[in-house]
């Protein structure tokens, strides 16, 4: 179902966002919205809308590929309501002079919160314990019942020390954790400020009790963590991923968990989203799964929508958006 206004230039929004932000855009633009909050916009509707749109505000759930962009005759800007933008064909957009923007910074702390919450929930088996109680299995206190892994004074390994990785390190410091990190570029100033240690990815995997994936999804990081990497890890180690699903080879992860090469996994992201209910990982009790809610606080999601709308409005009006990711366009 599409909800249309009557102003120019034309903007298409691929999912319902806060009403106050839509109202602001409608003051100067002709706004069309796919207002089904629980299902992505069908590809044929997206194609129909993008043909004569001046601006597109979309989510990671939309695949903005070459074929779609070739049909966009007027498009000036694609405002992605996310930090990542691997859902967009940047090269084709840049050739066509289409500005791409994202929403960095605003979700850093919220995503770091969720990452540490997922780490704690996995280590202490919180979802499993809650289900145990609700299923009526709790009959007595037992010394080793639902025992998990300690977090305080353990070793965390952060792969990818961007904004969110740094924020996660600050939280780990509060738990007196030994903090290792691996990043494409070393950050000596952060090492001094947070008391963290740079190491190779192999050394990180061998020594970390918790391995947290915080890298962007690129051709270099696709299947970055696979069979041979799980074999380097401790049998008691836990892997956490709140970055992108394709960074971990899910088949190899499943096998590593079944073979007890690692102890558990906490996952907010998956190679295929939504995750199919028949996915093998959902059969394992030592896997905590979430439906990609890393930035899902009310305050943060509103801020993300505000930034996305501002990016779009600036580009439509001939300004250079602060969060432009393809400067060559």
Protein backbone atom coordinates (compact mmCIF):
# COMPACT_ATOMS: atom_id res chain seq x y z
CA UNK A 1 0.00 0.00 0.00
CA UNK A 2 1.40 3.40 -0.97
CA UNK A 3 0.72 6.64 0.83
CA UNK A 4 1.23 9.62 -1.49
CA UNK A 5 1.44 13.38 -1.05
CA UNK A 6 1.47 16.05 -3.77
CA UNK A 7 4.69 18.05 -3.50
CA UNK A 8 7.84 18.26 -5.66
CA UNK A 9 10.61 17.03 -6.04
CA UNK A 10 9.59 13.41 -5.77
CA UNK A 11 10.95 11.23 -2.94
CA UNK A 12 10.26 7.57 -2.29
CA UNK A 13 10.69 6.11 1.22
CA UNK A 14 10.88 2.33 1.32
CA UNK A 15 9.53 1.82 4.86
CA UNK A 16 7.50 3.68 7.45
CA UNK A 17 9.62 6.12 9.47
CA UNK A 18 8.57 8.48 12.31
CA UNK A 19 5.62 10.65 11.29
CA UNK A 20 7.26 13.93 12.33
CA UNK A 21 10.11 13.31 9.88
CA UNK A 22 7.73 12.49 7.05
CA UNK A 23 5.81 15.69 7.80
CA UNK A 24 9.01 17.73 7.56
CA UNK A 25 9.91 16.20 4.19
CA UNK A 26 6.37 16.79 2.89
CA UNK A 27 6.80 20.54 3.39
CA UNK A 28 9.11 20.68 0.36
CA UNK A 29 8.80 17.32 -1.39
CA UNK A 30 6.29 14.98 -3.01
CA UNK A 31 6.64 12.01 -0.67
CA UNK A 32 5.58 8.45 -1.46
CA UNK A 33 5.95 5.75 1.17
CA UNK A 34 5.78 1.99 1.31
CA UNK A 35 4.01 2.01 4.67
CA UNK A 36 3.92 -1.71 5.47
CA UNK A 37 6.15 -1.79 8.55
CA UNK A 38 6.61 -5.55 8.57
CA UNK A 39 7.43 -6.46 4.96
CA UNK A 40 9.96 -5.03 2.51
CA UNK A 41 8.81 -3.11 -0.54
CA UNK A 42 8.24 -5.49 -3.50
CA UNK A 43 10.84 -5.14 -6.23
CA UNK A 44 8.27 -4.23 -8.87
CA UNK A 45 6.96 -1.37 -6.69
CA UNK A 46 10.51 -0.16 -6.06
CA UNK A 47 11.23 -0.21 -9.79
CA UNK A 48 8.04 1.68 -10.54
CA UNK A 49 8.78 4.35 -7.93
CA UNK A 50 12.45 4.86 -8.73
CA UNK A 51 11.89 5.61 -12.42
CA UNK A 52 10.98 9.26 -11.84
CA UNK A 53 12.13 9.77 -8.24
CA UNK A 54 14.59 12.53 -7.38
CA UNK A 55 15.47 10.96 -4.04
CA UNK A 56 15.30 7.54 -2.40
CA UNK A 57 15.38 6.89 1.35
CA UNK A 58 15.95 3.17 1.83
CA UNK A 59 17.09 0.48 4.25
CA UNK A 60 19.63 -2.35 4.10
CA UNK A 61 16.77 -4.64 3.14
CA UNK A 62 16.54 -3.06 -0.32
CA UNK A 63 18.94 -4.23 -3.03
CA UNK A 64 19.80 -1.22 -5.15
CA UNK A 65 21.62 -2.95 -8.00
CA UNK A 66 22.80 -1.90 -11.45
CA UNK A 67 19.58 -3.00 -13.16
CA UNK A 68 17.48 -0.88 -10.82
CA UNK A 69 19.76 2.15 -11.06
CA UNK A 70 19.70 2.06 -14.86
CA UNK A 71 15.94 2.71 -14.66
CA UNK A 72 16.41 5.77 -12.44
CA UNK A 73 16.39 8.66 -14.91
CA UNK A 74 16.12 11.54 -12.40
CA UNK A 75 17.62 10.11 -9.23
CA UNK A 76 20.01 12.49 -7.43
CA UNK A 77 20.46 10.82 -4.06
CA UNK A 78 20.08 7.50 -2.26
CA UNK A 79 19.92 8.03 1.50
CA UNK A 80 20.58 4.71 3.25
CA UNK A 81 19.20 4.58 6.79
CA UNK A 82 22.16 2.54 8.04
CA UNK A 83 25.89 2.78 8.61
CA UNK A 84 26.62 0.13 5.99
CA UNK A 85 25.76 0.50 2.31
CA UNK A 86 26.74 -2.86 0.80
CA UNK A 87 23.14 -3.15 -0.46
CA UNK A 88 23.87 -0.44 -3.05
CA UNK A 89 25.89 -0.70 -6.28
CA UNK A 90 28.16 2.23 -5.45
CA UNK A 91 30.12 2.06 -8.71
CA UNK A 92 27.03 2.34 -10.91
CA UNK A 93 25.51 5.07 -8.74
CA UNK A 94 28.73 7.08 -8.89
CA UNK A 95 28.93 6.77 -12.68
CA UNK A 96 25.41 8.16 -12.88
CA UNK A 97 26.28 11.00 -10.51
CA UNK A 98 23.95 9.73 -7.79
CA UNK A 99 24.98 10.72 -4.27
CA UNK A 100 25.00 7.92 -1.65
CA UNK A 101 24.71 8.77 2.04
CA UNK A 102 24.59 6.80 5.28
CA UNK A 103 23.90 7.39 8.98
CA UNK A 104 27.14 6.91 10.96
CA UNK A 105 27.84 7.93 14.57
CA UNK A 106 24.22 8.03 15.80
CA UNK A 107 24.02 4.27 16.37
CA UNK A 108 27.52 3.69 17.76
CA UNK A 109 26.69 3.52 21.46
CA UNK A 110 23.40 1.69 21.01
CA UNK A 111 25.00 -1.02 18.87
CA UNK A 112 27.88 -1.38 21.33
CA UNK A 113 25.31 -1.81 24.12
CA UNK A 114 23.56 -4.58 22.19
CA UNK A 115 26.86 -6.28 21.36
CA UNK A 116 27.86 -6.46 25.00
CA UNK A 117 24.35 -7.55 25.99
CA UNK A 118 24.53 -10.37 23.44
CA UNK A 119 27.95 -11.35 24.75
CA UNK A 120 26.60 -11.54 28.29
CA UNK A 121 23.43 -13.38 27.30
CA UNK A 122 25.46 -15.99 25.41
CA UNK A 123 28.14 -16.41 28.07
CA UNK A 124 25.65 -16.83 30.90
CA UNK A 125 23.09 -18.79 28.83
CA UNK A 126 20.31 -16.36 29.68
CA UNK A 127 17.81 -17.25 26.90
CA UNK A 128 18.39 -20.95 27.56
CA UNK A 129 17.86 -20.48 31.31
CA UNK A 130 14.69 -18.46 30.76
CA UNK A 131 13.28 -21.19 28.50
CA UNK A 132 14.27 -23.84 31.07
CA UNK A 133 12.18 -22.08 33.72
CA UNK A 134 9.22 -21.35 31.46
CA UNK A 135 9.13 -24.96 30.23
CA UNK A 136 8.67 -26.17 33.81
CA UNK A 137 12.03 -27.96 33.99
CA UNK A 138 13.30 -26.15 37.10
CA UNK A 139 12.80 -28.55 40.02
CA UNK A 140 15.76 -27.78 42.30
CA UNK A 141 18.97 -25.79 42.66
CA UNK A 142 21.93 -27.72 41.35
CA UNK A 143 25.65 -26.76 41.51
CA UNK A 144 26.36 -27.13 37.78
CA UNK A 145 22.93 -26.37 36.35
CA UNK A 146 23.13 -23.99 33.34
CA UNK A 147 26.65 -22.91 34.20
CA UNK A 148 28.22 -20.48 31.74
CA UNK A 149 31.47 -18.61 31.13
CA UNK A 150 32.89 -15.78 33.24
CA UNK A 151 33.09 -12.34 31.63
CA UNK A 152 34.89 -10.31 34.29
CA UNK A 153 38.70 -10.39 33.81
CA UNK A 154 38.44 -12.61 30.71
CA UNK A 155 39.98 -11.76 27.32
CA UNK A 156 37.99 -10.13 24.55
CA UNK A 157 39.24 -9.98 20.96
CA UNK A 158 37.71 -7.26 18.76
CA UNK A 159 38.09 -7.71 15.01
CA UNK A 160 37.49 -4.29 13.47
CA UNK A 161 38.20 -1.26 15.66
CA UNK A 162 35.94 1.35 14.12
CA UNK A 163 33.62 3.59 16.13
CA UNK A 164 31.52 0.70 17.41
CA UNK A 165 34.58 -1.45 18.10
CA UNK A 166 36.08 1.34 20.22
CA UNK A 167 32.80 1.79 22.09
CA UNK A 168 32.73 -1.96 22.78
CA UNK A 169 36.29 -1.81 24.11
CA UNK A 170 35.24 0.89 26.59
CA UNK A 171 32.49 -1.38 27.90
CA UNK A 172 34.88 -4.31 28.17
CA UNK A 173 37.28 -2.14 30.15
CA UNK A 174 34.53 -1.65 32.74
CA UNK A 175 34.56 -5.44 33.22
CA UNK A 176 38.34 -5.39 33.69
CA UNK A 177 38.76 -7.48 30.56
CA UNK A 178 42.04 -7.96 28.75
CA UNK A 179 41.37 -6.37 25.36
CA UNK A 180 42.98 -7.50 22.11
CA UNK A 181 42.15 -6.05 18.73
CA UNK A 182 42.90 -6.56 15.06
CA UNK A 183 42.24 -3.85 12.52
CA UNK A 184 43.28 -3.01 8.98
CA UNK A 185 45.13 0.00 10.39
CA UNK A 186 46.75 0.04 13.80
CA UNK A 187 45.52 2.75 16.22
CA UNK A 188 48.33 3.59 18.69
CA UNK A 189 46.45 6.51 20.24
CA UNK A 190 43.48 4.27 21.05
CA UNK A 191 45.83 1.61 22.44
CA UNK A 192 47.21 4.16 24.91
CA UNK A 193 43.81 5.68 25.77
CA UNK A 194 42.07 2.36 26.42
CA UNK A 195 44.99 0.14 27.38
CA UNK A 196 44.33 -2.33 24.57
CA UNK A 197 46.74 -4.46 22.56
CA UNK A 198 47.07 -4.83 18.79
CA UNK A 199 47.71 -8.35 17.55
CA UNK A 200 47.44 -10.51 14.45
CA UNK A 201 44.10 -12.11 13.78
CA UNK A 202 45.65 -15.55 14.44
CA UNK A 203 46.95 -14.53 17.87
CA UNK A 204 43.65 -12.89 18.71
CA UNK A 205 41.72 -16.05 17.88
CA UNK A 206 44.08 -18.25 19.90
CA UNK A 207 43.92 -16.10 23.03
CA UNK A 208 40.44 -14.56 23.18
CA UNK A 209 37.64 -15.93 25.34
CA UNK A 210 35.23 -13.76 23.34
CA UNK A 211 35.74 -12.95 19.66
CA UNK A 212 33.62 -10.00 18.53
CA UNK A 213 33.18 -9.28 14.82
CA UNK A 214 32.91 -5.52 14.22
CA UNK A 215 34.18 -5.10 10.63
CA UNK A 216 32.22 -3.76 7.65
CA UNK A 217 31.11 -6.24 5.01
CA UNK A 218 33.36 -6.00 1.93
CA UNK A 219 34.83 -8.35 -0.65
CA UNK A 220 37.85 -8.67 1.67
CA UNK A 221 35.80 -9.55 4.76
CA UNK A 222 33.34 -11.96 3.10
CA UNK A 223 33.81 -15.40 4.76
CA UNK A 224 36.62 -13.83 6.80
CA UNK A 225 35.98 -16.26 9.67
CA UNK A 226 35.77 -19.87 8.52
CA UNK A 227 36.76 -23.44 9.34
CA UNK A 228 40.48 -22.91 9.92
CA UNK A 229 39.81 -19.92 12.18
CA UNK A 230 37.42 -21.80 14.45
CA UNK A 231 40.10 -24.46 14.88
CA UNK A 232 42.47 -21.79 16.22
CA UNK A 233 40.02 -20.74 18.94
CA UNK A 234 39.71 -22.09 22.47
CA UNK A 235 37.12 -24.82 23.05
CA UNK A 236 35.61 -22.49 25.65
CA UNK A 237 35.53 -19.46 23.31
CA UNK A 238 32.40 -17.58 22.26
CA UNK A 239 32.01 -15.72 18.97
CA UNK A 240 29.74 -12.66 18.72
CA UNK A 241 28.66 -11.03 15.46
CA UNK A 242 26.72 -7.77 15.27
CA UNK A 243 28.39 -6.56 12.06
CA UNK A 244 27.24 -8.43 8.93
CA UNK A 245 26.27 -12.06 8.49
CA UNK A 246 28.45 -12.89 5.50
CA UNK A 247 31.64 -12.20 7.43
CA UNK A 248 31.29 -15.57 9.18
CA UNK A 249 30.89 -18.73 7.14
CA UNK A 250 27.69 -20.03 8.76
CA UNK A 251 28.16 -23.63 7.62
CA UNK A 252 31.62 -23.73 9.19
CA UNK A 253 30.30 -22.04 12.33
CA UNK A 254 27.58 -24.67 12.70
CA UNK A 255 30.10 -27.48 12.33
CA UNK A 256 32.51 -25.87 14.80
CA UNK A 257 29.72 -25.67 17.38
CA UNK A 258 28.57 -29.25 16.76
CA UNK A 259 32.16 -30.52 16.98
CA UNK A 260 32.69 -28.44 20.17
CA UNK A 261 35.62 -26.59 18.65
CA UNK A 262 34.09 -23.47 20.21
CA UNK A 263 31.64 -23.14 23.11
CA UNK A 264 28.88 -20.85 21.79
CA UNK A 265 27.85 -18.08 19.41
CA UNK A 266 25.77 -14.91 19.72
CA UNK A 267 24.46 -13.61 16.40
CA UNK A 268 22.45 -10.53 15.48
CA UNK A 269 23.15 -10.76 11.74
CA UNK A 270 22.99 -13.50 9.13
CA UNK A 271 23.94 -14.16 5.55
CA UNK A 272 20.24 -14.47 4.66
CA UNK A 273 17.80 -12.18 6.44
CA UNK A 274 15.22 -12.92 7.69
CA UNK A 275 16.87 -16.13 8.87
CA UNK A 276 14.92 -19.19 7.61
CA UNK A 277 13.31 -21.10 10.48
CA UNK A 278 14.85 -24.33 9.19
CA UNK A 279 18.39 -22.93 9.42
CA UNK A 280 20.70 -25.43 11.20
CA UNK A 281 21.98 -22.81 13.65
CA UNK A 282 18.50 -22.55 15.16
CA UNK A 283 18.70 -26.18 16.25
CA UNK A 284 21.61 -25.53 18.62
CA UNK A 285 20.99 -24.56 22.25
CA UNK A 286 24.37 -22.77 22.50
CA UNK A 287 23.51 -20.21 19.82
CA UNK A 288 21.73 -16.99 20.83
CA UNK A 289 20.04 -15.41 17.81
CA UNK A 290 18.52 -11.95 17.39
CA UNK A 291 16.64 -10.40 14.40
CA UNK A 292 19.23 -7.70 13.48
CA UNK A 293 18.35 -5.29 16.30
CA UNK A 294 21.80 -3.80 16.94
CA UNK A 295 20.61 -0.19 16.72
CA UNK A 296 17.04 -0.83 17.85
CA UNK A 297 16.48 1.69 20.58
CA UNK A 298 13.68 4.22 20.12
CA UNK A 299 16.00 7.20 20.44
CA UNK A 300 18.60 5.85 18.03
CA UNK A 301 16.16 4.78 15.32
CA UNK A 302 14.52 8.23 15.39
CA UNK A 303 17.95 9.87 15.11
CA UNK A 304 18.86 7.58 12.20
CA UNK A 305 15.69 8.59 10.36
CA UNK A 306 16.41 12.26 11.06
CA UNK A 307 19.95 12.00 9.70
CA UNK A 308 18.78 10.05 6.64
CA UNK A 309 16.12 12.70 5.93
CA UNK A 310 18.64 15.53 6.35
CA UNK A 311 21.10 13.82 4.01
CA UNK A 312 18.38 13.43 1.41
CA UNK A 313 17.10 17.00 1.76
CA UNK A 314 20.61 18.47 1.42
CA UNK A 315 21.41 16.47 -1.72
CA UNK A 316 18.05 17.26 -3.33
CA UNK A 317 18.76 20.96 -2.80
CA UNK A 318 22.21 20.86 -4.38
CA UNK A 319 24.19 20.81 -1.14
CA UNK A 320 26.93 18.30 -0.31
CA UNK A 321 25.62 16.07 2.50
CA UNK A 322 27.86 15.63 5.50
CA UNK A 323 27.51 11.85 5.30
CA UNK A 324 28.22 11.39 1.58
CA UNK A 325 30.07 8.09 1.00
CA UNK A 326 30.89 8.37 -2.72
CA UNK A 327 32.71 11.69 -3.04
CA UNK A 328 33.64 10.88 -6.67
CA UNK A 329 29.98 11.13 -7.69
